Structure formats: structure tokens, C-alpha cells
Amino acid sequence: MLLALAFLWLSVFWAQCEKVSQKPGLKLFREDYKSVQETCIAVGFVKNSCGNDTKIGIAFDARLGKSIRNLATKGRVVFDTVNLNQGLGYDASTGVFTVPSGGIYVFEWTVLAWHGLEGHTALTVNDQFKSWNHCHSGKSNNFRSCSKMGVMKLHKGDKVWIAVFNGSANIYNTYTSFSGFKL
């Protein structure tokens, strides 16, 4: 009897040791998954697992919520309606984009000047005008839409906004916007 129990116990023990899963081992799966995940992170398709974004992109798009009349030279245009703020660099309460990480950036802004009036604006970086948009409808008594794009190398912490560079600006809200992104 004792011999039969020992034989039975050994049979069960050997059967478990020889049992092989038909599925790949968990270790092999984890290694394959980690390799695929690292590749995806490297090319910017996913975020890493620690919650730190890698190559998420930096971009914003904001619009003017209400029209502006007689904004003085060096006055800042505050685009207070935000459609996109990837990277959280744009502040809708101040109209300032603070560069989250250095690199090459592209900015575009469009101004709709009130009929017969002006809206001369400039892309401003750290209190310096860098790119200008001359928008004046002249004697036509029509609204004038003017767009401008600027590309520049910026450093982390630089401040970027749209300001009036000449005279006073009279800007209609509906079609006035400011956008930017990091290349």
C-alpha cells in the first residue's frame, strides 16, 4: 500500500514537472511587449508608462472671444477661447504662450480688422517684435482679413504673444485667431 501511494505521488509530481504550456511563457511575452512598446515610444506613437509624455507634441489654437476696439501700441491681444492646448503652454487669461521645451516653432495668426480701420499686429517674443502683420482695409469700408506665419527657434521659458505694433487696433472677434506648434 505504501509503495502504491509513493508511486502515485511520484506520478503526479513528474506529470506536473513535465507539463508544458502551449502558450508562450509570460517572460517571453513581457520581453516582446517591452520591445514593441520601446519602439512605439521612440517614434512617438505612445506615452511611456510612467506618465511622462514623450513626443506628445506641443500645439495650441485660440480665438478671440470678443471684439477689441482701440487697443494701443504694444497692447497684447488676448485670445481667450482655446480650442487646443497640447503641452499646456498657452495661457488664455494672458494671451501668452510659454515655450515648454526649446526647438523650432511655427506660429500663425489671423486678424480681421473692423471695416475701414486698422489692426497692425506683431508676433512678440520676450517683448521684441519678430514678425509683423499689416492689416488695414483702407477707404473701402469693408472688413479686412490678414494672416501671417512666423517660424523661429525658441528656448524653454520664452514668452510669445500677439501685440499691436503701430497705432491702435480694432479687431473683430469671429475670424481672429492665434495658433502655434513645435516642429
Foldseek 3Di string as FASTA:
>chain_A
DVVVVVVVVVVVVVVVVPDDDPDDDPVVVVVVVVVVVVVCLVVQNDQDPVPDRGNVWFKWKFFQPFWDPFQFAQGFRQRQGTPDGVVNQADNVRQKGFAQAWAKKKKKKKFWAQFQAWAKKAKAKQNRGDGIWTWGNHPPSDITMTMDMDMDTDGGGIIIGMGHHDGTTTTGTPRTMMMMIGD
